[in-house]
Structures are given as C-alpha cells and as structure tokens.
N, C-alpha and C. Protein backbone atom coordinates (compact mmCIF):
# COMPACT_ATOMS: atom_id res chain seq x y z
N MET A 1 70.77 21.47 -47.18
CA MET A 1 71.67 20.57 -47.00
C MET A 1 71.46 19.79 -45.60
N ASP A 2 70.71 18.67 -45.65
CA ASP A 2 70.54 17.83 -44.36
C ASP A 2 72.06 16.84 -43.89
N VAL A 3 72.72 17.40 -42.76
CA VAL A 3 73.94 16.78 -42.44
C VAL A 3 73.63 15.59 -41.62
N GLY A 4 72.22 14.97 -41.53
CA GLY A 4 71.95 13.64 -40.94
C GLY A 4 72.02 12.72 -42.07
N LYS A 5 71.92 13.09 -43.12
CA LYS A 5 72.37 12.19 -44.20
C LYS A 5 73.60 11.68 -44.85
N ILE A 6 74.53 12.91 -43.82
CA ILE A 6 76.10 12.51 -44.23
C ILE A 6 76.75 11.27 -43.32
N GLY A 7 77.28 10.32 -44.02
CA GLY A 7 77.79 9.10 -43.34
C GLY A 7 78.37 9.14 -42.02
N LEU A 8 79.27 10.09 -41.88
CA LEU A 8 80.06 10.64 -40.61
C LEU A 8 79.07 10.84 -39.49
N PHE A 9 77.79 11.69 -39.91
CA PHE A 9 77.02 12.14 -38.81
C PHE A 9 76.39 11.17 -38.51
N GLN A 10 75.71 10.09 -39.35
CA GLN A 10 74.74 8.95 -39.19
C GLN A 10 75.88 8.14 -38.18
N LEU A 11 77.00 7.99 -38.66
CA LEU A 11 77.93 6.75 -37.53
C LEU A 11 77.72 7.76 -36.16
N ALA A 12 78.14 8.62 -36.43
CA ALA A 12 78.07 9.44 -34.95
C ALA A 12 77.02 9.45 -34.04
N GLU A 13 75.73 9.49 -34.95
CA GLU A 13 74.71 9.59 -33.97
C GLU A 13 74.46 8.05 -33.58
N GLN A 14 74.70 7.18 -34.68
CA GLN A 14 74.64 5.54 -33.96
C GLN A 14 75.48 5.43 -33.06
N ARG A 15 76.81 5.79 -32.78
CA ARG A 15 77.75 5.65 -31.73
C ARG A 15 76.89 6.15 -30.39
N LEU A 16 76.69 7.31 -30.69
CA LEU A 16 75.80 8.06 -29.31
C LEU A 16 74.49 7.32 -28.88
N ALA A 17 74.07 6.73 -29.61
CA ALA A 17 72.52 5.87 -29.08
C ALA A 17 73.03 4.82 -28.62
N TRP A 18 74.24 4.10 -29.13
CA TRP A 18 74.74 2.83 -28.59
C TRP A 18 75.42 2.96 -27.31
N SER A 19 76.10 4.11 -27.07
CA SER A 19 76.89 4.78 -25.83
C SER A 19 75.62 4.59 -24.47
N ASN A 20 74.54 5.38 -25.31
CA ASN A 20 73.43 5.83 -24.45
C ASN A 20 72.53 4.35 -23.91
N GLN A 21 72.57 3.46 -24.44
CA GLN A 21 71.91 2.22 -24.34
C GLN A 21 72.87 1.30 -23.71
N ARG A 22 74.13 1.41 -23.71
CA ARG A 22 75.21 0.71 -23.04
C ARG A 22 75.45 1.30 -21.67
N GLN A 23 75.38 2.36 -21.31
CA GLN A 23 75.24 3.23 -20.11
C GLN A 23 74.01 2.93 -19.43
N SER A 24 73.05 2.74 -19.77
CA SER A 24 71.65 2.44 -19.11
C SER A 24 71.58 0.94 -18.76
N VAL A 25 72.07 -0.18 -19.71
CA VAL A 25 72.59 -1.16 -18.96
C VAL A 25 73.52 -1.60 -18.09
N LEU A 26 74.94 -0.96 -18.01
CA LEU A 26 75.73 -0.93 -16.91
C LEU A 26 74.84 -0.34 -15.79
N ALA A 27 74.18 0.83 -15.65
CA ALA A 27 73.48 1.17 -14.66
C ALA A 27 72.75 0.28 -14.10
N GLN A 28 71.78 -0.51 -14.65
CA GLN A 28 71.07 -1.53 -14.31
C GLN A 28 71.90 -2.39 -13.29
N ASN A 29 73.23 -2.94 -13.66
CA ASN A 29 73.97 -4.14 -13.38
C ASN A 29 74.58 -3.62 -12.19
N ILE A 30 74.82 -2.20 -11.79
CA ILE A 30 75.44 -1.02 -10.88
C ILE A 30 74.43 -1.27 -9.69
N ALA A 31 73.29 -1.17 -10.23
CA ALA A 31 71.95 -0.84 -9.40
C ALA A 31 71.44 -2.19 -8.53
N ASN A 32 71.82 -3.19 -9.39
CA ASN A 32 71.53 -4.55 -8.86
C ASN A 32 72.61 -5.35 -8.27
N ALA A 33 73.54 -4.69 -7.55
CA ALA A 33 74.90 -5.24 -7.46
C ALA A 33 74.54 -6.12 -6.03
N ASP A 34 73.58 -5.91 -5.40
CA ASP A 34 73.13 -6.42 -4.36
C ASP A 34 72.06 -7.63 -4.43
N THR A 35 71.38 -7.38 -5.46
CA THR A 35 70.49 -8.15 -5.82
C THR A 35 70.90 -9.90 -5.94
N PRO A 36 70.30 -10.66 -4.81
CA PRO A 36 70.83 -12.29 -5.26
C PRO A 36 70.35 -12.55 -6.53
N GLY A 37 71.27 -13.46 -6.90
CA GLY A 37 70.99 -13.90 -8.53
C GLY A 37 71.16 -13.19 -9.81
N TRP A 38 71.51 -11.97 -9.41
CA TRP A 38 71.39 -10.87 -10.84
C TRP A 38 72.49 -11.13 -11.75
N LYS A 39 72.40 -11.59 -12.66
CA LYS A 39 73.67 -11.54 -13.99
C LYS A 39 74.02 -10.35 -14.41
N ALA A 40 75.45 -9.94 -14.73
CA ALA A 40 75.68 -9.31 -15.42
C ALA A 40 75.24 -8.91 -16.83
N ARG A 41 75.01 -7.93 -17.23
CA ARG A 41 74.32 -7.87 -18.68
C ARG A 41 75.37 -6.74 -19.27
N ASP A 42 75.23 -7.07 -20.60
CA ASP A 42 76.14 -6.00 -21.31
C ASP A 42 75.30 -5.92 -23.01
N ILE A 43 75.69 -5.28 -23.81
CA ILE A 43 75.08 -5.25 -25.18
C ILE A 43 76.37 -5.33 -25.94
N GLN A 44 75.97 -5.68 -27.63
CA GLN A 44 77.00 -6.06 -28.43
C GLN A 44 78.18 -4.91 -28.58
N PRO A 45 79.34 -5.13 -28.72
CA PRO A 45 80.38 -4.03 -28.99
C PRO A 45 79.76 -3.28 -30.77
N PHE A 46 80.10 -1.98 -30.35
CA PHE A 46 79.57 -1.01 -31.30
C PHE A 46 80.21 -1.68 -32.81
N ALA A 47 81.41 -1.92 -33.06
CA ALA A 47 81.98 -2.82 -34.23
C ALA A 47 81.02 -4.07 -34.42
N GLN A 48 80.79 -4.68 -33.71
CA GLN A 48 80.03 -5.72 -33.95
C GLN A 48 78.48 -5.44 -34.37
N GLN A 49 78.08 -4.40 -33.92
CA GLN A 49 76.58 -4.13 -34.37
C GLN A 49 76.66 -3.48 -35.43
N LEU A 50 77.58 -2.68 -35.99
CA LEU A 50 77.83 -2.32 -37.25
C LEU A 50 77.73 -3.52 -38.14
N ALA A 51 78.49 -4.19 -38.01
CA ALA A 51 78.49 -5.75 -38.87
C ALA A 51 77.17 -6.15 -39.13
N THR A 52 76.62 -6.31 -38.08
CA THR A 52 75.19 -7.15 -38.20
C THR A 52 74.16 -6.12 -38.81
N ALA A 53 74.40 -4.81 -38.69
CA ALA A 53 73.69 -3.81 -39.54
C ALA A 53 74.11 -3.96 -41.05
N GLY A 54 74.98 -4.43 -41.46
CA GLY A 54 75.48 -4.54 -42.84
C GLY A 54 76.67 -3.34 -42.99
N THR A 55 77.05 -2.53 -42.08
CA THR A 55 78.07 -1.55 -42.12
C THR A 55 79.32 -2.13 -41.17
N ALA A 56 80.29 -2.39 -42.36
CA ALA A 56 81.79 -2.92 -41.35
C ALA A 56 82.53 -1.68 -41.50
N ILE A 57 83.52 -1.92 -40.86
CA ILE A 57 84.60 -1.10 -40.62
C ILE A 57 85.48 -1.36 -41.67
N ALA A 58 86.13 -0.59 -42.48
CA ALA A 58 86.59 -0.94 -43.79
C ALA A 58 88.12 -0.37 -43.68
N ARG A 59 89.27 -1.17 -43.93
CA ARG A 59 90.78 -0.90 -43.97
C ARG A 59 90.81 -0.33 -45.45
N THR A 60 90.98 0.91 -45.83
CA THR A 60 91.23 1.20 -47.06
C THR A 60 92.49 1.79 -47.38
N ASP A 61 93.40 1.47 -46.61
CA ASP A 61 94.96 1.75 -46.84
C ASP A 61 95.65 0.77 -45.87
N PRO A 62 96.87 0.03 -46.74
CA PRO A 62 97.20 -0.87 -45.87
C PRO A 62 98.03 -0.18 -44.63
N ALA A 63 98.35 0.85 -44.51
CA ALA A 63 98.75 1.72 -43.43
C ALA A 63 97.78 1.52 -42.24
N HIS A 64 96.86 1.87 -42.51
CA HIS A 64 95.86 1.97 -41.37
C HIS A 64 95.84 0.78 -40.40
N LEU A 65 95.42 0.99 -39.12
CA LEU A 65 95.23 -0.13 -38.24
C LEU A 65 94.14 -1.20 -38.86
N ALA A 66 94.73 -2.07 -38.58
CA ALA A 66 93.25 -3.34 -38.59
C ALA A 66 92.16 -3.03 -37.90
N PRO A 67 90.84 -3.25 -38.25
CA PRO A 67 90.11 -3.47 -37.05
C PRO A 67 90.10 -4.53 -36.47
N PRO A 68 89.66 -4.26 -35.33
CA PRO A 68 89.77 -5.77 -34.26
C PRO A 68 88.97 -6.85 -34.64
N ALA A 69 89.30 -7.75 -34.15
CA ALA A 69 88.73 -9.31 -34.59
C ALA A 69 87.41 -9.37 -33.79
N SER A 70 86.35 -9.99 -34.48
CA SER A 70 85.50 -9.86 -34.10
C SER A 70 85.16 -10.34 -32.77
N ALA A 71 84.25 -9.84 -31.92
CA ALA A 71 84.07 -10.27 -30.58
C ALA A 71 83.33 -11.52 -30.67
N ALA A 72 83.02 -12.10 -29.57
CA ALA A 72 82.17 -13.10 -29.42
C ALA A 72 80.65 -12.74 -29.65
N ALA A 73 79.64 -13.52 -29.87
CA ALA A 73 78.28 -12.89 -29.94
C ALA A 73 77.71 -12.21 -29.05
N ALA A 74 76.55 -11.76 -29.24
CA ALA A 74 76.29 -10.33 -28.86
C ALA A 74 76.04 -11.10 -27.28
N ALA A 75 76.27 -9.97 -26.47
CA ALA A 75 76.50 -10.66 -24.86
C ALA A 75 75.33 -10.17 -24.39
N SER A 76 74.17 -10.69 -24.28
CA SER A 76 73.15 -10.38 -23.04
C SER A 76 73.30 -10.58 -21.82
N VAL A 77 74.16 -11.79 -21.47
CA VAL A 77 74.40 -11.90 -20.02
C VAL A 77 76.18 -12.13 -19.92
N ALA A 78 76.87 -11.40 -19.25
CA ALA A 78 78.34 -11.64 -19.30
C ALA A 78 78.71 -12.69 -18.36
N ARG A 79 79.55 -13.15 -18.97
CA ARG A 79 80.03 -14.39 -17.70
C ARG A 79 81.04 -14.01 -16.66
N GLY A 80 81.04 -14.73 -15.48
CA GLY A 80 82.39 -14.25 -14.77
C GLY A 80 81.99 -14.97 -13.55
N GLU A 81 82.49 -14.56 -12.34
CA GLU A 81 82.35 -15.26 -11.17
C GLU A 81 81.24 -14.88 -10.34
N ARG A 82 81.04 -15.82 -9.34
CA ARG A 82 79.16 -15.44 -8.73
C ARG A 82 79.98 -15.31 -7.10
N SER A 83 79.28 -14.55 -6.94
CA SER A 83 79.03 -14.49 -5.33
C SER A 83 78.25 -15.63 -4.79
N PRO A 84 78.37 -15.83 -3.48
CA PRO A 84 77.58 -17.15 -2.44
C PRO A 84 76.09 -16.83 -2.97
N ASP A 85 75.63 -15.84 -3.17
CA ASP A 85 74.13 -15.50 -3.37
C ASP A 85 73.62 -15.38 -5.01
N GLY A 86 74.62 -16.00 -5.68
CA GLY A 86 74.41 -15.89 -7.09
C GLY A 86 74.51 -14.64 -7.82
N ASN A 87 75.19 -13.77 -7.39
CA ASN A 87 75.27 -12.26 -7.74
C ASN A 87 76.50 -12.01 -8.75
N GLY A 88 76.43 -12.09 -9.90
CA GLY A 88 77.42 -12.25 -10.79
C GLY A 88 78.39 -10.57 -11.10
N ILE A 89 77.75 -9.67 -10.20
CA ILE A 89 78.56 -8.51 -10.28
C ILE A 89 79.63 -7.98 -10.03
N ALA A 90 80.38 -7.47 -10.72
CA ALA A 90 81.96 -7.30 -10.20
C ALA A 90 81.95 -5.68 -10.54
N LEU A 91 81.78 -4.77 -9.44
CA LEU A 91 81.63 -3.40 -9.44
C LEU A 91 82.82 -2.89 -10.37
N ASP A 92 84.10 -3.13 -9.91
CA ASP A 92 85.08 -2.55 -10.73
C ASP A 92 85.18 -3.13 -12.26
N ASP A 93 84.68 -4.03 -12.32
CA ASP A 93 84.56 -4.04 -14.03
C ASP A 93 83.37 -3.38 -14.19
N GLN A 94 82.30 -3.11 -13.83
CA GLN A 94 81.29 -2.21 -14.29
C GLN A 94 81.66 -0.75 -14.55
N LEU A 95 82.35 -0.61 -13.49
CA LEU A 95 82.60 0.85 -13.24
C LEU A 95 83.77 1.21 -14.43
N ALA A 96 84.74 0.15 -14.93
CA ALA A 96 85.42 0.36 -15.81
C ALA A 96 84.76 0.43 -17.13
N LYS A 97 83.61 -0.29 -17.63
CA LYS A 97 82.86 -0.06 -18.39
C LYS A 97 82.22 1.00 -18.75
N VAL A 98 81.76 1.60 -17.60
CA VAL A 98 81.10 3.15 -17.66
C VAL A 98 82.33 3.80 -18.03
N THR A 99 83.19 3.95 -17.39
CA THR A 99 84.12 4.97 -17.57
C THR A 99 84.63 4.82 -19.05
N ASP A 100 84.78 3.67 -19.94
CA ASP A 100 85.34 3.32 -20.97
C ASP A 100 84.00 4.29 -21.93
N THR A 101 82.66 3.49 -21.66
CA THR A 101 81.63 4.00 -22.50
C THR A 101 81.59 5.78 -22.16
N GLU A 102 81.73 6.23 -21.37
CA GLU A 102 81.55 7.51 -21.10
C GLU A 102 82.71 8.18 -21.91
N SER A 103 84.06 7.74 -21.80
CA SER A 103 85.18 8.48 -22.84
C SER A 103 84.59 8.27 -24.16
N MET A 104 84.45 7.41 -24.79
CA MET A 104 83.89 7.16 -26.11
C MET A 104 82.31 8.08 -26.33
N HIS A 105 81.77 8.00 -25.71
CA HIS A 105 80.56 9.12 -25.89
C HIS A 105 81.22 10.67 -25.90
N ASP A 106 82.17 10.90 -24.99
CA ASP A 106 82.54 12.12 -24.92
C ASP A 106 83.17 12.48 -26.17
N LEU A 107 84.30 11.39 -26.65
CA LEU A 107 84.79 11.83 -27.91
C LEU A 107 84.07 11.90 -29.38
N THR A 108 83.10 11.02 -29.26
CA THR A 108 82.30 10.87 -30.59
C THR A 108 81.32 12.51 -30.43
N GLY A 109 80.95 12.93 -29.22
CA GLY A 109 80.37 14.39 -29.30
C GLY A 109 81.14 15.00 -29.37
N ASP A 110 82.40 15.19 -29.16
CA ASP A 110 83.64 16.14 -29.71
C ASP A 110 84.00 16.19 -31.01
N LEU A 111 83.79 15.09 -31.78
CA LEU A 111 83.96 15.15 -32.77
C LEU A 111 82.84 15.26 -33.96
N TYR A 112 81.84 14.98 -33.40
CA TYR A 112 80.52 15.86 -34.28
C TYR A 112 80.48 17.36 -34.24
N LYS A 113 80.61 17.64 -33.05
CA LYS A 113 80.78 19.39 -33.04
C LYS A 113 81.85 20.02 -33.50
N LYS A 114 83.02 19.29 -33.86
CA LYS A 114 83.86 19.67 -34.71
C LYS A 114 84.09 19.73 -36.17
N TYR A 115 83.13 18.64 -36.46
CA TYR A 115 82.73 18.64 -38.02
C TYR A 115 81.83 19.59 -38.38
N MET A 116 80.63 20.00 -37.21
CA MET A 116 79.71 20.67 -37.52
C MET A 116 80.32 21.98 -37.71
N GLY A 117 81.37 22.61 -37.10
CA GLY A 117 82.04 23.82 -36.90
C GLY A 117 82.83 24.02 -38.68
N PHE A 118 83.30 22.69 -38.93
CA PHE A 118 83.99 22.71 -40.23
C PHE A 118 82.95 23.15 -41.09
N PHE A 119 81.83 22.31 -41.20
CA PHE A 119 80.65 23.01 -42.14
C PHE A 119 80.05 24.11 -41.96
N ARG A 120 80.09 24.79 -40.86
CA ARG A 120 79.64 26.23 -40.49
C ARG A 120 80.95 27.20 -41.47
N LEU A 121 81.94 26.69 -41.04
CA LEU A 121 83.31 27.40 -41.56
C LEU A 121 83.15 27.59 -43.05
N ALA A 122 82.59 26.53 -43.61
CA ALA A 122 82.89 26.21 -45.00
C ALA A 122 81.45 27.04 -45.60
N ILE A 123 80.62 27.09 -45.04
CA ILE A 123 79.18 27.94 -45.76
C ILE A 123 79.34 29.13 -44.96
N GLY A 124 80.40 29.80 -44.41
CA GLY A 124 80.36 31.12 -43.88
C GLY A 124 79.47 31.64 -42.90
N ARG A 125 79.24 30.78 -41.94
CA ARG A 125 78.22 31.12 -40.92
C ARG A 125 79.39 31.44 -39.60
C-alpha cells in the first residue's frame, strides 16, 4: 500500500512543500531588508493554490466552519509602506509571517506523523 496515494497524505505533502517555498521567499525578504528598492514578496495562500489546482476545500457539513473567502490574486509582490530608499520590507510583518508559516509546517508534520502511526497500528507494526 502506497500511502503517498492517499489524499490526506498528498495534501500534507503539498502543504509541507508550500510552507518550505514560502519560508524561502520570506527569508529572501528578510535578507534584503536593507537593499534599496527591494519589494516584499510572498506566494499564493495555500487555499488559493489548492483552488487553482482544482482541489478546493469543501464544506461537507453545515456545522463545519466555512472556508475563508478567497484572497486577492497570487501576490508576487506585497504592497505596503516604503522607506525613503524605496525598500518595502517591514521586518515585523515578515517575522510574523515566518512564525505563522513555521507553526503551520510543524502542525502539518505532526498530523502526518500521527496518521502514519495510526496506519502502523492498524497493520500491526
């Protein structure tokens, strides 16, 4: 049985890849915080990336929380205030995004491990 073909694990792998990509973009923003003219960059929110790929978050029961409203189009450049040298990096915003992305990465990894443990338990390992 290939667990990579189970939807839950595919979704977790996609989420982990997304968070790795986002951390890379945010690290570039932080590294260029003093570069004149540098504009803050970000990637599409994960839910929007899923919708673009044809995989939408579905509300299967009225008691479930509704998925968030779709965000604006994929942001390659984030808009915000600029310093006199044209740099658009706000370190506090970037660090908050890094922390949020890291938390979601850790949560996704923990869920992946937990479900793998369930499968091991079910097959008797």
